[in-house]
Amino acid sequence: MRILLIEDDRLIGDGIKAGLTKLGFSVDWFTQGNEGLRALSSAPYDAVVLDLSLPEIDGLEILRQWRQQGRDEPVLILTARDALEQRVSGLQQGADDYLCKPFALSEVAARLQALIRRRHGQLQPTLQHGNLVMEPGSHTVTLNGAPLILTARELALLELFLLNAGRVLTRSQLEEKLYGWDDDVSSNAVEVHIHHLRKKLGSDFIRTIHGVGYTLGAAP
């Protein structure tokens, strides 16, 4: 899942980006309000982490402009613990959730995963396809009840296919979801990850639609 992070505090921003990246998220981080405002339309983000105290333009104004433009990406706002008025204003302007500083990275990840699930109409905390069960919150996958070891990229790719069951995803769409602006992506990176998933889950688990892309196939 690809996340847009707008946070001007270097220490907090670096910690969020590094932590979420280790958990399999792809994160683009901006420190300036105007850059962050424009960034949302530059890539298919699954959710946004938005600080409210930003240089140039504050987070509430960014959020207001996005919602006026019809942008519906889930937004998790970061606020100071005593900023009740800001939290209320953020929710009134269209924020989906908020988190007070200081916070635990695990809670940031959990809230983002919940927002992304709801956006896809997935209310349960687990994703299932046949005898395969994925728990995005704990980053675990079981097949026929047995644990399955996947890399962070494989987990992210699997989650994409499970959340988009019935849809065909092009290679460029998969690349845009799996990688951020700072990532060095080889031309066959997506194909390599799909190959590894097929080896672990069966050759029919991901179907190739020739000339179009890939879609979730037969349940393992």
C-alpha atoms as a PDB file:
ATOM      1  CA  MET A   1       0.000   0.000   0.000  1.00  0.00           C
ATOM      2  CA  ARG A   2       1.298   3.448  -0.923  1.00  0.00           C
ATOM      3  CA  ILE A   3       1.159   6.186   1.692  1.00  0.00           C
ATOM      4  CA  LEU A   4       1.566   9.952   1.365  1.00  0.00           C
ATOM      5  CA  LEU A   5       3.246  11.399   4.467  1.00  0.00           C
ATOM      6  CA  ILE A   6       3.258  15.179   5.049  1.00  0.00           C
ATOM      7  CA  GLU A   7       5.245  16.028   8.169  1.00  0.00           C
ATOM      8  CA  ASP A   8       7.777  18.849   8.632  1.00  0.00           C
ATOM      9  CA  ASP A   9       9.407  17.453  11.775  1.00  0.00           C
ATOM     10  CA  ARG A  10      12.431  15.583  10.397  1.00  0.00           C
ATOM     11  CA  LEU A  11      12.745  13.228  13.348  1.00  0.00           C
ATOM     12  CA  ILE A  12       9.073  12.232  13.330  1.00  0.00           C
ATOM     13  CA  GLY A  13       8.888  12.012   9.538  1.00  0.00           C
ATOM     14  CA  ASP A  14      11.999   9.883   9.247  1.00  0.00           C
ATOM     15  CA  GLY A  15      10.740   7.541  11.948  1.00  0.00           C
ATOM     16  CA  ILE A  16       7.324   7.112  10.350  1.00  0.00           C
ATOM     17  CA  LYS A  17       8.759   6.546   6.879  1.00  0.00           C
ATOM     18  CA  ALA A  18      11.402   4.070   8.030  1.00  0.00           C
ATOM     19  CA  GLY A  19       8.979   2.187  10.263  1.00  0.00           C
ATOM     20  CA  LEU A  20       6.163   1.921   7.719  1.00  0.00           C
ATOM     21  CA  THR A  21       8.608   0.888   5.003  1.00  0.00           C
ATOM     22  CA  LYS A  22       9.818  -1.996   7.164  1.00  0.00           C
ATOM     23  CA  LEU A  23       6.184  -3.057   7.555  1.00  0.00           C
ATOM     24  CA  GLY A  24       5.757  -3.261   3.780  1.00  0.00           C
ATOM     25  CA  PHE A  25       4.235   0.143   3.030  1.00  0.00           C
ATOM     26  CA  SER A  26       5.580   2.360   0.266  1.00  0.00           C
ATOM     27  CA  VAL A  27       5.956   5.899   1.653  1.00  0.00           C
ATOM     28  CA  ASP A  28       6.476   9.262  -0.077  1.00  0.00           C
ATOM     29  CA  TRP A  29       7.426  11.923   2.471  1.00  0.00           C
ATOM     30  CA  PHE A  30       7.043  15.690   1.998  1.00  0.00           C
ATOM     31  CA  THR A  31       7.964  18.376   4.532  1.00  0.00           C
ATOM     32  CA  GLN A  32       6.466  21.444   2.824  1.00  0.00           C
ATOM     33  CA  GLY A  33       2.740  22.116   2.839  1.00  0.00           C
ATOM     34  CA  ASN A  34       2.412  23.191  -0.803  1.00  0.00           C
ATOM     35  CA  GLU A  35       4.420  20.207  -2.041  1.00  0.00           C
ATOM     36  CA  GLY A  36       2.218  17.884  -0.033  1.00  0.00           C
ATOM     37  CA  LEU A  37      -0.921  19.566  -1.315  1.00  0.00           C
ATOM     38  CA  ARG A  38       0.084  18.893  -4.931  1.00  0.00           C
ATOM     39  CA  ALA A  39       1.485  15.425  -4.274  1.00  0.00           C
ATOM     40  CA  LEU A  40      -1.862  13.704  -3.743  1.00  0.00           C
ATOM     41  CA  SER A  41      -2.725  13.989  -7.436  1.00  0.00           C
ATOM     42  CA  SER A  42       0.678  12.684  -8.578  1.00  0.00           C
ATOM     43  CA  ALA A  43       0.303   9.018  -7.548  1.00  0.00           C
ATOM     44  CA  PRO A  44      -2.430   6.520  -6.568  1.00  0.00           C
ATOM     45  CA  TYR A  45      -2.101   6.784  -2.797  1.00  0.00           C
ATOM     46  CA  ASP A  46      -4.062   4.449  -0.552  1.00  0.00           C
ATOM     47  CA  ALA A  47      -4.010   6.790   2.453  1.00  0.00           C
ATOM     48  CA  VAL A  48      -2.454   9.992   3.799  1.00  0.00           C
ATOM     49  CA  VAL A  49      -0.727  10.812   7.085  1.00  0.00           C
ATOM     50  CA  LEU A  50      -1.099  14.570   7.506  1.00  0.00           C
ATOM     51  CA  ASP A  51       0.444  16.803  10.165  1.00  0.00           C
ATOM     52  CA  LEU A  52      -1.546  19.945  10.875  1.00  0.00           C
ATOM     53  CA  SER A  53       1.310  22.312  11.763  1.00  0.00           C
ATOM     54  CA  LEU A  54       3.145  22.795   8.465  1.00  0.00           C
ATOM     55  CA  PRO A  55       5.137  25.609   6.837  1.00  0.00           C
ATOM     56  CA  GLU A  56       3.580  27.549   3.920  1.00  0.00           C
ATOM     57  CA  ILE A  57       0.075  26.155   4.365  1.00  0.00           C
ATOM     58  CA  ASP A  58      -1.390  24.341   7.346  1.00  0.00           C
ATOM     59  CA  GLY A  59      -2.779  20.838   7.264  1.00  0.00           C
ATOM     60  CA  LEU A  60      -6.404  21.876   7.760  1.00  0.00           C
ATOM     61  CA  GLU A  61      -6.274  24.061   4.657  1.00  0.00           C
ATOM     62  CA  ILE A  62      -4.654  21.248   2.668  1.00  0.00           C
ATOM     63  CA  LEU A  63      -7.420  18.901   3.778  1.00  0.00           C
ATOM     64  CA  ARG A  64     -10.127  21.449   2.956  1.00  0.00           C
ATOM     65  CA  GLN A  65      -8.784  21.926  -0.577  1.00  0.00           C
ATOM     66  CA  TRP A  66      -8.512  18.183  -1.192  1.00  0.00           C
ATOM     67  CA  ARG A  67     -12.109  17.570  -0.177  1.00  0.00           C
ATOM     68  CA  GLN A  68     -13.301  20.525  -2.276  1.00  0.00           C
ATOM     69  CA  GLN A  69     -11.511  18.929  -5.234  1.00  0.00           C
ATOM     70  CA  GLY A  70     -13.387  15.679  -4.606  1.00  0.00           C
ATOM     71  CA  ARG A  71     -10.353  13.752  -3.370  1.00  0.00           C
ATOM     72  CA  ASP A  72     -11.578  10.845  -1.255  1.00  0.00           C
ATOM     73  CA  GLU A  73      -8.316   9.267  -0.080  1.00  0.00           C
ATOM     74  CA  PRO A  74      -8.456   8.372   3.638  1.00  0.00           C
ATOM     75  CA  VAL A  75      -6.615  10.944   5.767  1.00  0.00           C
ATOM     76  CA  LEU A  76      -5.107  10.279   9.189  1.00  0.00           C
ATOM     77  CA  ILE A  77      -4.232  13.581  10.856  1.00  0.00           C
ATOM     78  CA  LEU A  78      -1.496  14.055  13.453  1.00  0.00           C
ATOM     79  CA  THR A  79      -2.132  16.588  16.211  1.00  0.00           C
ATOM     80  CA  ALA A  80      -0.737  17.715  19.526  1.00  0.00           C
ATOM     81  CA  ARG A  81      -2.399  15.950  22.435  1.00  0.00           C
ATOM     82  CA  ASP A  82      -3.921  19.180  23.790  1.00  0.00           C
ATOM     83  CA  ALA A  83      -5.164  20.482  20.412  1.00  0.00           C
ATOM     84  CA  LEU A  84      -8.813  19.454  20.811  1.00  0.00           C
ATOM     85  CA  GLU A  85     -10.064  22.279  18.594  1.00  0.00           C
ATOM     86  CA  GLN A  86      -7.735  21.204  15.785  1.00  0.00           C
ATOM     87  CA  ARG A  87      -8.857  17.594  16.061  1.00  0.00           C
ATOM     88  CA  VAL A  88     -12.513  18.582  15.857  1.00  0.00           C
ATOM     89  CA  SER A  89     -11.840  20.930  12.934  1.00  0.00           C
ATOM     90  CA  GLY A  90      -9.915  18.197  11.116  1.00  0.00           C
ATOM     91  CA  LEU A  91     -12.789  15.759  11.388  1.00  0.00           C
ATOM     92  CA  GLN A  92     -15.249  18.435  10.284  1.00  0.00           C
ATOM     93  CA  GLN A  93     -13.070  19.214   7.248  1.00  0.00           C
ATOM     94  CA  GLY A  94     -13.184  15.568   6.171  1.00  0.00           C
ATOM     95  CA  ALA A  95     -10.415  13.729   8.019  1.00  0.00           C
ATOM     96  CA  ASP A  96     -11.110  10.036   8.558  1.00  0.00           C
ATOM     97  CA  ASP A  97      -9.145   9.575  11.774  1.00  0.00           C
ATOM     98  CA  TYR A  98      -6.665  11.376  13.999  1.00  0.00           C
ATOM     99  CA  LEU A  99      -3.752  10.452  16.210  1.00  0.00           C
ATOM    100  CA  CYS A 100      -2.212  12.506  19.024  1.00  0.00           C
ATOM    101  CA  LYS A 101       1.516  13.028  19.375  1.00  0.00           C
ATOM    102  CA  PRO A 102       3.452  11.258  20.760  1.00  0.00           C
ATOM    103  CA  PHE A 103       2.271   7.983  19.249  1.00  0.00           C
ATOM    104  CA  ALA A 104       3.434   4.436  18.637  1.00  0.00           C
ATOM    105  CA  LEU A 105       4.313   3.444  15.091  1.00  0.00           C
ATOM    106  CA  SER A 106       2.289   0.258  15.480  1.00  0.00           C
ATOM    107  CA  GLU A 107      -0.817   2.372  16.070  1.00  0.00           C
ATOM    108  CA  VAL A 108      -0.123   4.466  12.958  1.00  0.00           C
ATOM    109  CA  ALA A 109       0.134   1.286  10.891  1.00  0.00           C
ATOM    110  CA  ALA A 110      -2.988  -0.245  12.429  1.00  0.00           C
ATOM    111  CA  ARG A 111      -5.073   2.870  11.819  1.00  0.00           C
ATOM    112  CA  LEU A 112      -3.852   3.132   8.224  1.00  0.00           C
ATOM    113  CA  GLN A 113      -4.699  -0.509   7.558  1.00  0.00           C
ATOM    114  CA  ALA A 114      -8.184  -0.010   9.007  1.00  0.00           C
ATOM    115  CA  LEU A 115      -8.764   3.062   6.801  1.00  0.00           C
ATOM    116  CA  ILE A 116      -7.568   1.211   3.692  1.00  0.00           C
ATOM    117  CA  ARG A 117      -9.768  -1.809   4.455  1.00  0.00           C
ATOM    118  CA  ARG A 118     -12.833   0.403   4.847  1.00  0.00           C
ATOM    119  CA  ARG A 119     -12.094   2.182   1.577  1.00  0.00           C
ATOM    120  CA  HIS A 120     -12.158  -1.209  -0.164  1.00  0.00           C
ATOM    121  CA  GLY A 121     -15.382  -2.206   1.593  1.00  0.00           C
ATOM    122  CA  GLN A 122     -13.526  -4.797   3.663  1.00  0.00           C
ATOM    123  CA  LEU A 123     -14.855  -4.660   7.219  1.00  0.00           C
ATOM    124  CA  GLN A 124     -13.151  -7.775   8.587  1.00  0.00           C
ATOM    125  CA  PRO A 125      -9.551  -7.493   9.855  1.00  0.00           C
ATOM    126  CA  THR A 126      -8.559 -10.572   7.840  1.00  0.00           C
ATOM    127  CA  LEU A 127      -8.445 -11.212   4.097  1.00  0.00           C
ATOM    128  CA  GLN A 128      -9.272 -14.687   2.842  1.00  0.00           C
ATOM    129  CA  HIS A 129      -9.118 -16.528  -0.456  1.00  0.00           C
ATOM    130  CA  GLY A 130      -9.936 -20.193  -0.169  1.00  0.00           C
ATOM    131  CA  ASN A 131      -7.656 -21.725   2.465  1.00  0.00           C
ATOM    132  CA  LEU A 132      -5.334 -18.741   2.421  1.00  0.00           C
ATOM    133  CA  VAL A 133      -5.820 -16.252   5.270  1.00  0.00           C
ATOM    134  CA  MET A 134      -3.958 -12.960   5.573  1.00  0.00           C
ATOM    135  CA  GLU A 135      -3.910 -10.740   8.651  1.00  0.00           C
ATOM    136  CA  PRO A 136      -2.505  -7.386   7.473  1.00  0.00           C
ATOM    137  CA  GLY A 137      -2.337  -6.060  11.028  1.00  0.00           C
ATOM    138  CA  SER A 138       0.139  -8.724  12.148  1.00  0.00           C
ATOM    139  CA  HIS A 139       1.672  -9.243   8.678  1.00  0.00           C
ATOM    140  CA  THR A 140       0.985 -12.960   8.828  1.00  0.00           C
ATOM    141  CA  VAL A 141      -0.307 -15.375   6.207  1.00  0.00           C
ATOM    142  CA  THR A 142      -1.444 -18.956   6.682  1.00  0.00           C
ATOM    143  CA  LEU A 143      -2.181 -21.574   4.054  1.00  0.00           C
ATOM    144  CA  ASN A 144      -4.255 -24.566   5.159  1.00  0.00           C
ATOM    145  CA  GLY A 145      -3.576 -23.404   8.722  1.00  0.00           C
ATOM    146  CA  ALA A 146       0.212 -23.433   8.340  1.00  0.00           C
ATOM    147  CA  PRO A 147       2.297 -20.225   8.474  1.00  0.00           C
ATOM    148  CA  LEU A 148       3.593 -18.980   5.143  1.00  0.00           C
ATOM    149  CA  ILE A 149       6.801 -16.939   5.007  1.00  0.00           C
ATOM    150  CA  LEU A 150       6.635 -13.972   2.609  1.00  0.00           C
ATOM    151  CA  THR A 151       8.881 -10.978   2.086  1.00  0.00           C
ATOM    152  CA  ALA A 152       7.566  -7.454   2.732  1.00  0.00           C
ATOM    153  CA  ARG A 153       7.064  -6.857  -1.009  1.00  0.00           C
ATOM    154  CA  GLU A 154       5.314 -10.208  -1.431  1.00  0.00           C
ATOM    155  CA  LEU A 155       3.008  -9.374   1.477  1.00  0.00           C
ATOM    156  CA  ALA A 156       2.194  -5.996  -0.058  1.00  0.00           C
ATOM    157  CA  LEU A 157       1.535  -7.560  -3.459  1.00  0.00           C
ATOM    158  CA  LEU A 158      -0.644 -10.289  -1.965  1.00  0.00           C
ATOM    159  CA  GLU A 159      -2.690  -7.704  -0.067  1.00  0.00           C
ATOM    160  CA  LEU A 160      -3.187  -5.727  -3.281  1.00  0.00           C
ATOM    161  CA  PHE A 161      -4.593  -8.745  -5.103  1.00  0.00           C
ATOM    162  CA  LEU A 162      -6.833  -9.760  -2.185  1.00  0.00           C
ATOM    163  CA  LEU A 163      -8.253  -6.239  -1.836  1.00  0.00           C
ATOM    164  CA  ASN A 164      -8.856  -6.039  -5.594  1.00  0.00           C
ATOM    165  CA  ALA A 165     -10.374  -9.478  -6.195  1.00  0.00           C
ATOM    166  CA  GLY A 166     -12.160  -9.526  -9.547  1.00  0.00           C
ATOM    167  CA  ARG A 167     -10.180  -6.596 -10.933  1.00  0.00           C
ATOM    168  CA  VAL A 168      -7.347  -6.711 -13.444  1.00  0.00           C
ATOM    169  CA  LEU A 169      -4.306  -4.710 -12.324  1.00  0.00           C
ATOM    170  CA  THR A 170      -1.764  -3.532 -14.871  1.00  0.00           C
ATOM    171  CA  ARG A 171       1.953  -3.761 -14.232  1.00  0.00           C
ATOM    172  CA  SER A 172       2.184   0.024 -13.963  1.00  0.00           C
ATOM    173  CA  GLN A 173      -0.625   0.068 -11.376  1.00  0.00           C
ATOM    174  CA  LEU A 174       1.189  -2.554  -9.321  1.00  0.00           C
ATOM    175  CA  GLU A 175       4.465  -0.648  -9.559  1.00  0.00           C
ATOM    176  CA  GLU A 176       2.793   2.582  -8.457  1.00  0.00           C
ATOM    177  CA  LYS A 177       1.317   0.853  -5.400  1.00  0.00           C
ATOM    178  CA  LEU A 178       4.462  -1.052  -4.409  1.00  0.00           C
ATOM    179  CA  TYR A 179       7.137   1.590  -4.928  1.00  0.00           C
ATOM    180  CA  GLY A 180       7.634   5.223  -3.964  1.00  0.00           C
ATOM    181  CA  TRP A 181       9.479   8.055  -5.678  1.00  0.00           C
ATOM    182  CA  ASP A 182      12.778   7.174  -3.967  1.00  0.00           C
ATOM    183  CA  ASP A 183      12.753   3.481  -4.899  1.00  0.00           C
ATOM    184  CA  ASP A 184      14.977   2.122  -7.649  1.00  0.00           C
ATOM    185  CA  VAL A 185      12.688  -0.226  -9.584  1.00  0.00           C
ATOM    186  CA  SER A 186      14.008  -2.729 -12.140  1.00  0.00           C
ATOM    187  CA  SER A 187      11.959  -3.292 -15.284  1.00  0.00           C
ATOM    188  CA  ASN A 188      10.897  -6.805 -14.255  1.00  0.00           C
ATOM    189  CA  ALA A 189      10.503  -6.265 -10.496  1.00  0.00           C
ATOM    190  CA  VAL A 190       6.743  -6.919 -10.474  1.00  0.00           C
ATOM    191  CA  GLU A 191       7.112 -10.071 -12.556  1.00  0.00           C
ATOM    192  CA  VAL A 192       9.756 -11.391 -10.157  1.00  0.00           C
ATOM    193  CA  HIS A 193       7.499 -10.896  -7.124  1.00  0.00           C
ATOM    194  CA  ILE A 194       4.558 -12.511  -8.934  1.00  0.00           C
ATOM    195  CA  HIS A 195       6.771 -15.475  -9.862  1.00  0.00           C
ATOM    196  CA  HIS A 196       7.753 -15.948  -6.204  1.00  0.00           C
ATOM    197  CA  LEU A 197       4.123 -15.762  -5.044  1.00  0.00           C
ATOM    198  CA  ARG A 198       3.122 -18.372  -7.614  1.00  0.00           C
ATOM    199  CA  LYS A 199       5.858 -20.702  -6.401  1.00  0.00           C
ATOM    200  CA  LYS A 200       4.529 -20.428  -2.848  1.00  0.00           C
ATOM    201  CA  LEU A 201       0.785 -20.366  -3.582  1.00  0.00           C
ATOM    202  CA  GLY A 202       0.390 -22.251  -6.847  1.00  0.00           C
ATOM    203  CA  SER A 203       0.784 -21.296 -10.492  1.00  0.00           C
ATOM    204  CA  ASP A 204      -2.918 -20.464 -10.864  1.00  0.00           C
ATOM    205  CA  PHE A 205      -3.093 -18.143  -7.850  1.00  0.00           C
ATOM    206  CA  ILE A 206      -2.333 -15.084  -9.993  1.00  0.00           C
ATOM    207  CA  ARG A 207      -3.672 -15.143 -13.552  1.00  0.00           C
ATOM    208  CA  THR A 208      -1.991 -13.309 -16.388  1.00  0.00           C
ATOM    209  CA  ILE A 209      -4.396 -11.469 -18.673  1.00  0.00           C
ATOM    210  CA  HIS A 210      -2.221 -11.146 -21.766  1.00  0.00           C
ATOM    211  CA  GLY A 211      -1.785  -7.611 -22.971  1.00  0.00           C
ATOM    212  CA  VAL A 212      -3.614  -6.211 -19.935  1.00  0.00           C
ATOM    213  CA  GLY A 213      -2.173  -7.257 -16.571  1.00  0.00           C
ATOM    214  CA  TYR A 214      -2.813  -9.621 -13.670  1.00  0.00           C
ATOM    215  CA  THR A 215      -5.752 -10.682 -11.543  1.00  0.00           C
ATOM    216  CA  LEU A 216      -6.446 -12.937  -8.576  1.00  0.00           C
ATOM    217  CA  GLY A 217      -6.944 -16.496  -9.788  1.00  0.00           C
ATOM    218  CA  ALA A 218      -7.925 -19.825  -8.273  1.00  0.00           C
ATOM    219  CA  ALA A 219      -7.980 -20.185  -4.504  1.00  0.00           C
ATOM    220  CA  PRO A 220      -5.132 -22.368  -3.222  1.00  0.00           C
END
